[in-house]
N, C-alpha and C. Protein backbone atom coordinates (compact mmCIF):
# COMPACT_ATOMS: atom_id res chain seq x y z
N MET A 1 0.84 -1.25 0.12
CA MET A 1 -0.05 0.09 -0.12
C MET A 1 0.77 1.20 -0.05
N SER A 2 0.52 2.32 -0.78
CA SER A 2 1.47 3.33 -0.98
C SER A 2 0.71 4.48 -0.46
N PHE A 3 1.37 5.82 0.09
CA PHE A 3 0.61 6.98 0.41
C PHE A 3 0.84 7.75 -0.11
N THR A 4 -0.14 8.80 -0.56
CA THR A 4 0.19 9.82 -1.30
C THR A 4 -0.30 11.22 -0.11
N PRO A 5 0.67 12.19 0.09
CA PRO A 5 0.23 13.04 1.19
C PRO A 5 -0.80 13.82 0.78
N ASN A 6 -1.88 14.26 1.19
CA ASN A 6 -2.93 15.05 1.07
C ASN A 6 -3.96 14.54 -0.07
N ALA A 7 -3.84 13.20 -0.50
CA ALA A 7 -4.53 12.48 -1.39
C ALA A 7 -5.97 12.63 -1.45
N ALA A 8 -6.18 12.29 0.19
CA ALA A 8 -7.81 12.03 0.45
C ALA A 8 -8.31 13.57 0.51
N THR A 9 -7.62 14.78 0.73
CA THR A 9 -8.14 16.17 0.83
C THR A 9 -8.08 16.91 -0.46
N SER A 10 -6.94 16.45 -1.41
CA SER A 10 -6.41 17.41 -2.32
C SER A 10 -7.39 17.74 -3.23
N ALA A 11 -8.57 17.12 -3.71
CA ALA A 11 -9.62 17.33 -4.50
C ALA A 11 -10.70 18.40 -3.82
N SER A 12 -10.86 18.38 -2.29
CA SER A 12 -11.78 19.13 -1.97
C SER A 12 -11.11 20.46 -1.43
N ALA A 13 -9.79 20.65 -1.08
CA ALA A 13 -9.10 21.51 -0.61
C ALA A 13 -8.87 22.63 -1.65
N PRO A 14 -9.02 23.77 -1.18
CA PRO A 14 -8.96 25.16 -2.17
C PRO A 14 -7.56 25.05 -2.15
N ALA A 15 -7.01 25.64 -3.39
CA ALA A 15 -5.64 26.25 -3.67
C ALA A 15 -5.56 27.49 -3.34
N GLY A 16 -4.32 27.84 -2.74
CA GLY A 16 -3.81 29.04 -2.36
C GLY A 16 -4.42 29.48 -0.79
N ARG A 17 -4.08 30.86 -0.77
CA ARG A 17 -4.46 31.38 0.67
C ARG A 17 -5.90 31.43 0.97
N CYS A 18 -6.12 31.66 2.16
CA CYS A 18 -7.51 32.09 2.60
C CYS A 18 -7.95 33.29 2.40
N ASP A 19 -9.13 33.59 1.65
CA ASP A 19 -9.41 35.18 1.54
C ASP A 19 -9.55 35.69 2.65
N GLY A 20 -9.20 37.13 2.79
CA GLY A 20 -9.45 37.91 4.02
C GLY A 20 -8.56 37.60 5.35
N LEU A 21 -7.58 36.77 5.00
CA LEU A 21 -6.74 36.52 6.09
C LEU A 21 -5.61 37.57 6.33
N LYS A 22 -5.44 38.10 7.65
CA LYS A 22 -4.88 39.06 8.07
C LYS A 22 -3.30 38.37 8.19
N GLU A 23 -2.13 38.96 7.48
CA GLU A 23 -0.99 38.39 7.64
C GLU A 23 0.20 39.34 7.92
N ILE A 24 1.16 39.35 8.69
CA ILE A 24 1.98 39.94 8.90
C ILE A 24 3.35 39.59 8.07
N ASP A 25 3.53 40.60 7.10
CA ASP A 25 4.67 40.36 6.36
C ASP A 25 6.15 40.31 6.96
N PRO A 26 7.22 39.79 6.53
CA PRO A 26 8.21 39.89 6.86
C PRO A 26 8.91 40.99 7.08
N ASN A 27 9.37 41.68 7.77
CA ASN A 27 10.04 43.05 7.67
C ASN A 27 11.49 42.92 8.18
N LEU A 28 12.51 43.29 7.35
CA LEU A 28 14.03 43.12 7.60
C LEU A 28 14.50 44.51 7.56
N ALA A 29 13.72 45.52 8.08
CA ALA A 29 14.26 46.86 8.15
C ALA A 29 14.94 46.83 9.88
N GLY A 30 16.15 47.23 9.76
CA GLY A 30 16.93 47.10 11.04
C GLY A 30 17.26 48.23 11.73
N ALA A 31 16.72 49.41 11.08
CA ALA A 31 17.23 50.84 11.69
C ALA A 31 16.37 50.72 13.10
N GLY A 32 17.10 51.09 14.01
CA GLY A 32 16.40 51.60 15.53
C GLY A 32 16.71 50.24 16.16
N LEU A 33 16.84 49.06 15.86
CA LEU A 33 17.22 47.79 16.68
C LEU A 33 18.48 47.61 17.14
N SER A 34 18.49 47.31 18.45
CA SER A 34 19.92 46.82 19.11
C SER A 34 19.85 45.39 19.24
N ILE A 35 21.02 44.70 18.49
CA ILE A 35 21.14 43.33 18.37
C ILE A 35 22.43 43.00 19.24
N GLY A 36 22.49 42.06 20.11
CA GLY A 36 23.43 41.47 20.74
C GLY A 36 24.02 40.17 20.12
N ILE A 37 25.20 39.98 19.99
CA ILE A 37 25.93 38.79 19.43
C ILE A 37 26.69 38.22 20.42
N VAL A 38 26.43 36.93 20.53
CA VAL A 38 27.44 35.84 21.40
C VAL A 38 28.26 35.04 20.60
N MET A 39 29.43 35.06 20.47
CA MET A 39 30.33 34.00 19.67
C MET A 39 31.32 33.36 20.39
N ALA A 40 31.27 32.10 20.20
CA ALA A 40 32.22 30.94 20.72
C ALA A 40 33.55 31.24 20.23
N ARG A 41 34.61 31.18 21.01
CA ARG A 41 36.05 31.26 20.34
C ARG A 41 36.60 30.00 19.98
N PHE A 42 35.94 28.89 20.25
CA PHE A 42 36.56 27.62 19.92
C PHE A 42 36.05 27.77 18.54
N ASN A 43 37.22 26.90 17.65
CA ASN A 43 36.98 26.90 16.33
C ASN A 43 36.75 28.47 15.92
N LYS A 44 37.87 29.42 16.11
CA LYS A 44 37.58 30.60 15.84
C LYS A 44 37.49 31.25 14.63
N VAL A 45 38.17 30.22 13.63
CA VAL A 45 38.19 30.57 12.17
C VAL A 45 36.66 30.69 11.84
N VAL A 46 36.12 29.80 11.98
CA VAL A 46 34.53 29.57 11.64
C VAL A 46 33.86 30.70 12.24
N GLY A 47 34.14 30.66 13.61
CA GLY A 47 33.27 31.81 14.46
C GLY A 47 33.84 33.33 13.72
N GLU A 48 34.49 33.60 13.39
CA GLU A 48 34.95 35.06 12.72
C GLU A 48 34.32 35.14 11.48
N GLY A 49 34.13 33.78 10.59
CA GLY A 49 33.55 33.95 9.38
C GLY A 49 31.89 34.00 9.49
N LEU A 50 31.49 33.46 10.57
CA LEU A 50 30.17 33.41 10.87
C LEU A 50 29.87 34.88 11.38
N LEU A 51 30.84 35.57 11.96
CA LEU A 51 30.62 37.08 12.47
C LEU A 51 30.77 37.98 11.48
N SER A 52 31.61 37.75 10.52
CA SER A 52 31.66 38.60 9.27
C SER A 52 30.31 38.83 8.45
N GLY A 53 30.03 37.42 8.12
CA GLY A 53 28.54 37.42 7.45
C GLY A 53 27.51 38.23 8.26
N CYS A 54 27.38 37.97 9.48
CA CYS A 54 26.38 38.39 10.33
C CYS A 54 26.52 40.03 10.37
N CYS A 55 27.49 40.32 10.72
CA CYS A 55 27.89 41.72 10.76
C CYS A 55 27.63 42.65 9.45
N HIS A 56 28.16 42.05 8.51
CA HIS A 56 28.00 42.71 7.17
C HIS A 56 26.36 42.84 6.84
N GLU A 57 25.71 41.63 7.02
CA GLU A 57 24.21 41.85 6.82
C GLU A 57 23.49 42.76 7.79
N LEU A 58 23.85 42.80 8.98
CA LEU A 58 22.98 43.78 9.88
C LEU A 58 23.09 45.24 9.40
N ARG A 59 24.50 45.70 9.06
CA ARG A 59 24.86 46.77 8.58
C ARG A 59 24.06 47.04 7.33
N ARG A 60 23.79 46.04 6.28
CA ARG A 60 23.02 46.26 5.37
C ARG A 60 21.56 46.38 5.37
N LEU A 61 21.08 45.91 6.48
CA LEU A 61 19.82 45.91 7.07
C LEU A 61 19.55 47.23 7.76
N GLY A 62 20.37 47.78 8.01
CA GLY A 62 20.31 49.20 8.74
C GLY A 62 20.37 49.08 10.23
N VAL A 63 21.05 47.95 10.74
CA VAL A 63 21.21 47.96 12.28
C VAL A 63 22.53 48.78 12.78
N THR A 64 22.51 49.47 13.39
CA THR A 64 23.79 50.37 13.91
C THR A 64 24.22 50.11 15.20
N ASP A 65 23.37 49.30 15.88
CA ASP A 65 23.51 49.33 17.59
C ASP A 65 23.89 47.77 17.84
N VAL A 66 25.08 47.18 17.93
CA VAL A 66 25.36 45.96 17.70
C VAL A 66 26.32 45.64 19.01
N GLN A 67 26.15 44.72 19.80
CA GLN A 67 27.34 44.76 20.89
C GLN A 67 27.42 43.10 20.83
N LEU A 68 28.87 42.82 20.77
CA LEU A 68 29.30 41.54 20.64
C LEU A 68 30.00 41.08 22.12
N VAL A 69 29.81 39.72 22.20
CA VAL A 69 30.45 39.37 23.46
C VAL A 69 30.98 37.89 23.14
N THR A 70 32.18 37.80 23.61
CA THR A 70 32.79 36.44 23.15
C THR A 70 32.80 35.46 24.23
N VAL A 71 32.91 34.11 24.05
CA VAL A 71 32.65 33.29 25.25
C VAL A 71 33.66 31.79 24.71
N PRO A 72 34.23 31.16 25.73
CA PRO A 72 34.95 30.04 25.28
C PRO A 72 34.61 28.86 24.47
N GLY A 73 33.39 28.61 24.53
CA GLY A 73 32.91 27.55 23.61
C GLY A 73 31.25 27.56 23.76
N ALA A 74 30.71 26.61 22.80
CA ALA A 74 29.29 26.53 22.44
C ALA A 74 28.34 26.50 23.70
N LEU A 75 28.90 25.91 24.96
CA LEU A 75 28.16 25.21 26.05
C LEU A 75 28.01 26.66 26.82
N GLU A 76 28.95 27.62 26.58
CA GLU A 76 28.86 28.95 27.31
C GLU A 76 27.81 30.09 26.78
N ILE A 77 27.53 29.72 25.74
CA ILE A 77 26.71 30.71 24.81
C ILE A 77 25.19 30.85 25.37
N PRO A 78 24.58 29.88 25.70
CA PRO A 78 23.29 30.03 26.62
C PRO A 78 23.17 30.81 27.77
N LEU A 79 24.09 30.84 28.66
CA LEU A 79 24.09 31.58 29.89
C LEU A 79 24.36 33.21 29.47
N THR A 80 25.33 33.34 28.77
CA THR A 80 25.79 34.79 28.18
C THR A 80 24.27 35.24 27.49
N LEU A 81 23.65 34.55 26.52
CA LEU A 81 22.56 35.02 25.90
C LEU A 81 21.51 35.46 26.81
N GLN A 82 21.54 34.49 27.89
CA GLN A 82 20.48 34.68 29.16
C GLN A 82 20.63 35.96 29.81
N ALA A 83 21.54 36.18 29.93
CA ALA A 83 22.29 37.41 30.91
C ALA A 83 22.22 38.61 30.21
N MET A 84 22.37 38.69 28.73
CA MET A 84 22.04 39.86 27.67
C MET A 84 20.45 40.20 27.65
N ALA A 85 19.79 38.83 27.45
CA ALA A 85 18.38 38.97 27.42
C ALA A 85 17.89 39.80 28.68
N GLN A 86 17.94 39.24 29.82
CA GLN A 86 17.59 39.98 30.96
C GLN A 86 17.86 41.30 30.99
N THR A 87 18.80 42.07 30.53
CA THR A 87 19.05 43.38 30.51
C THR A 87 17.95 44.23 29.80
N GLY A 88 17.22 43.60 28.94
CA GLY A 88 16.04 44.29 28.39
C GLY A 88 16.78 45.32 27.16
N LYS A 89 17.86 45.40 27.10
CA LYS A 89 18.49 46.26 26.09
C LYS A 89 18.22 45.76 24.51
N TYR A 90 18.26 44.60 24.15
CA TYR A 90 18.31 44.09 22.91
C TYR A 90 16.88 43.47 22.57
N ALA A 91 16.59 43.92 21.15
CA ALA A 91 15.58 43.53 20.28
C ALA A 91 15.56 41.93 19.95
N ALA A 92 17.03 41.26 19.60
CA ALA A 92 17.17 40.26 19.37
C ALA A 92 18.52 39.81 19.78
N LEU A 93 18.92 38.56 19.57
CA LEU A 93 20.19 38.09 19.79
C LEU A 93 20.64 37.21 18.89
N VAL A 94 21.93 36.87 18.56
CA VAL A 94 22.38 35.96 17.54
C VAL A 94 23.43 35.05 18.52
N ALA A 95 23.39 33.76 18.24
CA ALA A 95 24.40 32.76 18.81
C ALA A 95 25.46 32.38 17.46
N LEU A 96 26.66 32.55 17.64
CA LEU A 96 27.50 31.99 16.52
C LEU A 96 28.52 31.11 17.28
N GLY A 97 29.02 30.31 16.46
CA GLY A 97 29.73 29.15 16.83
C GLY A 97 29.77 27.84 15.93
N CYS A 98 30.83 27.14 16.52
CA CYS A 98 31.06 26.00 15.55
C CYS A 98 31.33 24.61 16.49
N VAL A 99 30.54 23.58 16.20
CA VAL A 99 31.09 22.48 16.90
C VAL A 99 31.37 21.32 15.75
N ILE A 100 32.60 20.86 15.67
CA ILE A 100 32.88 19.78 14.78
C ILE A 100 33.13 18.43 15.24
N ARG A 101 32.22 17.56 14.58
CA ARG A 101 32.14 16.31 15.14
C ARG A 101 33.83 15.71 15.36
N GLY A 102 34.09 15.16 16.25
CA GLY A 102 35.13 14.25 16.58
C GLY A 102 34.96 12.81 16.59
N GLU A 103 35.96 12.02 17.52
CA GLU A 103 35.71 10.72 17.57
C GLU A 103 35.13 10.25 18.69
N THR A 104 34.55 11.11 19.45
CA THR A 104 33.93 10.86 20.80
C THR A 104 32.40 11.23 21.08
N TYR A 105 31.85 11.11 21.77
CA TYR A 105 30.20 11.39 22.15
C TYR A 105 30.16 12.78 22.28
N HIS A 106 31.21 13.49 22.81
CA HIS A 106 31.12 14.78 23.45
C HIS A 106 30.69 15.87 22.05
N PHE A 107 30.60 15.48 20.84
CA PHE A 107 30.08 16.25 19.86
C PHE A 107 28.59 16.44 20.15
N GLU A 108 27.91 15.09 20.31
CA GLU A 108 26.63 15.17 20.31
C GLU A 108 26.33 16.07 21.73
N ILE A 109 26.76 15.71 22.89
CA ILE A 109 26.49 16.35 24.03
C ILE A 109 26.73 17.88 23.83
N VAL A 110 27.66 18.58 23.35
CA VAL A 110 27.70 19.99 22.88
C VAL A 110 26.88 20.27 21.90
N SER A 111 26.62 19.55 20.95
CA SER A 111 25.77 20.15 20.00
C SER A 111 24.08 20.42 20.41
N ASN A 112 23.78 18.97 21.42
CA ASN A 112 22.35 19.19 21.76
C ASN A 112 22.20 20.12 22.78
N GLU A 113 23.09 20.26 23.63
CA GLU A 113 22.90 21.05 24.84
C GLU A 113 22.90 22.30 24.56
N SER A 114 23.91 23.08 23.49
CA SER A 114 23.81 24.21 23.32
C SER A 114 22.62 24.68 22.63
N ALA A 115 21.97 23.84 21.62
CA ALA A 115 20.98 24.05 21.28
C ALA A 115 19.63 24.24 22.02
N ARG A 116 19.56 23.35 22.73
CA ARG A 116 18.60 23.48 23.79
C ARG A 116 18.66 24.40 24.68
N GLY A 117 19.92 25.00 25.24
CA GLY A 117 20.05 26.21 25.86
C GLY A 117 19.62 27.32 25.15
N VAL A 118 20.01 27.45 24.10
CA VAL A 118 19.40 28.60 23.35
C VAL A 118 18.04 28.62 23.08
N THR A 119 17.38 27.47 22.76
CA THR A 119 16.15 27.47 22.63
C THR A 119 15.40 27.87 23.82
N ASP A 120 15.92 27.15 25.29
CA ASP A 120 15.24 27.70 26.52
C ASP A 120 15.50 29.01 26.66
N VAL A 121 16.50 29.99 26.51
CA VAL A 121 16.79 31.30 26.76
C VAL A 121 15.74 32.27 25.81
N GLN A 122 15.46 31.55 24.77
CA GLN A 122 14.72 32.30 23.96
C GLN A 122 13.21 32.26 24.24
N LEU A 123 12.51 31.04 24.76
CA LEU A 123 11.57 30.67 25.40
C LEU A 123 11.13 31.44 26.69
N ASN A 124 12.24 31.26 27.40
CA ASN A 124 12.16 31.84 29.06
C ASN A 124 12.03 33.45 28.80
N THR A 125 12.66 34.25 28.14
CA THR A 125 12.81 35.26 27.95
C THR A 125 12.16 36.22 27.20
N GLY A 126 11.38 35.57 26.01
CA GLY A 126 10.73 36.45 25.01
C GLY A 126 11.71 37.09 23.93
N ILE A 127 13.00 36.80 24.27
CA ILE A 127 13.87 37.63 23.13
C ILE A 127 14.09 36.72 22.08
N PRO A 128 14.05 36.73 20.78
CA PRO A 128 14.54 35.95 19.83
C PRO A 128 15.84 35.82 19.56
N ILE A 129 16.27 34.74 19.40
CA ILE A 129 17.47 34.26 19.22
C ILE A 129 17.86 33.56 18.01
N ALA A 130 18.74 34.18 17.08
CA ALA A 130 18.89 33.39 15.86
C ALA A 130 20.24 32.45 16.15
N ASN A 131 19.86 31.23 15.92
CA ASN A 131 20.96 30.17 16.36
C ASN A 131 21.86 29.89 15.09
N ALA A 132 22.80 30.44 15.16
CA ALA A 132 24.07 30.13 14.01
C ALA A 132 25.08 29.37 14.66
N VAL A 133 24.77 28.49 15.36
CA VAL A 133 25.87 27.49 16.01
C VAL A 133 26.16 26.24 15.06
N LEU A 134 26.99 26.30 14.08
CA LEU A 134 27.26 25.36 13.09
C LEU A 134 27.50 24.06 13.91
N THR A 135 26.56 22.80 13.46
CA THR A 135 27.22 21.48 13.86
C THR A 135 27.61 20.67 12.68
N VAL A 136 28.85 20.30 12.23
CA VAL A 136 29.30 19.80 11.24
C VAL A 136 30.35 18.69 11.31
N GLU A 137 30.50 17.95 10.37
CA GLU A 137 31.26 16.66 10.40
C GLU A 137 32.90 16.99 10.31
N ASN A 138 32.96 18.16 9.57
CA ASN A 138 34.67 18.69 9.28
C ASN A 138 34.47 20.02 9.12
N ASP A 139 36.12 20.54 9.10
CA ASP A 139 36.51 21.71 8.75
C ASP A 139 35.72 22.46 7.49
N ASP A 140 35.89 21.60 6.37
CA ASP A 140 35.34 22.08 5.03
C ASP A 140 34.19 22.34 5.20
N GLN A 141 33.24 21.69 5.72
CA GLN A 141 31.77 21.81 5.98
C GLN A 141 31.39 22.90 6.53
N ALA A 142 32.38 23.29 7.71
CA ALA A 142 31.93 24.47 8.19
C ALA A 142 32.40 25.73 7.49
N GLU A 143 33.54 25.75 6.75
CA GLU A 143 34.22 27.03 6.06
C GLU A 143 33.23 27.22 4.71
N VAL A 144 32.40 26.16 4.25
CA VAL A 144 31.62 26.36 2.99
C VAL A 144 30.41 27.34 3.70
N ARG A 145 29.88 26.70 4.89
CA ARG A 145 28.65 27.39 5.36
C ARG A 145 28.78 28.81 6.24
N MET A 146 29.92 29.03 6.69
CA MET A 146 29.98 30.27 7.69
C MET A 146 29.48 31.61 7.27
N LEU A 147 29.89 32.04 6.00
CA LEU A 147 29.55 33.21 5.50
C LEU A 147 27.89 33.29 5.42
N GLN A 148 27.30 32.22 4.67
CA GLN A 148 26.02 32.29 4.61
C GLN A 148 25.22 32.22 6.04
N LYS A 149 25.55 31.23 6.80
CA LYS A 149 24.88 31.02 8.01
C LYS A 149 24.90 32.40 8.71
N GLY A 150 25.83 33.04 8.76
CA GLY A 150 26.05 34.38 9.37
C GLY A 150 25.03 35.38 8.92
N THR A 151 24.87 35.19 7.74
CA THR A 151 24.00 36.34 6.90
C THR A 151 22.65 36.00 7.41
N GLU A 152 22.41 34.58 7.26
CA GLU A 152 21.06 34.33 7.90
C GLU A 152 20.59 34.56 8.96
N ALA A 153 21.82 34.52 9.70
CA ALA A 153 21.35 34.80 11.47
C ALA A 153 21.01 36.31 11.62
N ALA A 154 21.64 37.04 10.97
CA ALA A 154 21.30 38.28 10.87
C ALA A 154 20.02 38.73 10.60
N GLN A 155 19.56 37.90 9.36
CA GLN A 155 18.31 38.35 8.97
C GLN A 155 17.28 38.00 9.76
N CYS A 156 17.48 36.58 10.41
CA CYS A 156 16.56 36.00 11.25
C CYS A 156 16.47 37.01 12.51
N ALA A 157 17.29 37.43 13.08
CA ALA A 157 17.38 38.13 14.34
C ALA A 157 16.54 39.66 13.97
N VAL A 158 16.66 40.22 12.90
CA VAL A 158 15.99 41.53 12.60
C VAL A 158 14.65 41.11 12.30
N GLU A 159 14.26 39.92 11.46
CA GLU A 159 12.71 39.73 11.26
C GLU A 159 12.01 39.13 12.39
N MET A 160 12.56 38.71 13.36
CA MET A 160 11.99 38.15 14.33
C MET A 160 11.73 39.27 15.56
N ALA A 161 12.74 40.29 15.55
CA ALA A 161 12.61 41.34 16.33
C ALA A 161 11.47 42.11 15.88
N ASN A 162 11.16 42.31 14.40
CA ASN A 162 10.24 43.25 14.05
C ASN A 162 9.06 42.45 14.38
N LEU A 163 8.95 41.16 13.96
CA LEU A 163 7.54 40.47 14.15
C LEU A 163 7.18 40.33 15.50
N LEU A 164 8.07 40.18 16.44
CA LEU A 164 7.57 40.27 17.85
C LEU A 164 7.00 41.72 18.28
N LYS A 165 7.64 42.80 17.68
CA LYS A 165 6.94 43.91 17.88
C LYS A 165 5.33 43.99 17.23
N ALA A 166 5.15 43.50 16.18
CA ALA A 166 4.25 43.49 15.25
C ALA A 166 2.95 42.91 15.98
N VAL A 167 3.42 41.70 16.63
CA VAL A 167 2.23 40.75 17.41
C VAL A 167 1.80 41.38 18.94
N LYS A 168 2.99 42.13 19.48
CA LYS A 168 2.44 42.68 20.69
C LYS A 168 1.52 43.69 20.83
């Protein structure tokens, strides 16, 4: 037996959007926003690449108020994000870092706990956090992704800061 997604409802479901639906459009206008960045120094070359992409994009989006804090590694990022979020100074935060798989289980612990911590801070404080902590197999994968991921993190932070302002 095969399954085709939406096969049972596709004939009766209308195509497209709902008429009369109110929608908040994505807003990437960064002027007037204060953004905090926490960057892990472990795997520093990749961190600097992420930071370069992020800062370039924040400037392009009009953000002029940016604070950078560095920490030893990915596991220290959530606590620092929490401290920054609790100040009330930032419209959004960005987490930058890189965890590269090694030969031990440590990779999974650091990757999972860092991501969980970032998510917990975001949910507990109500401050959006763009999580750009790369989890990769090797240096080559990290270097290929760092500029793009940094750019996307900046866009995410600005968009989410504006979205939360719009829904409040």
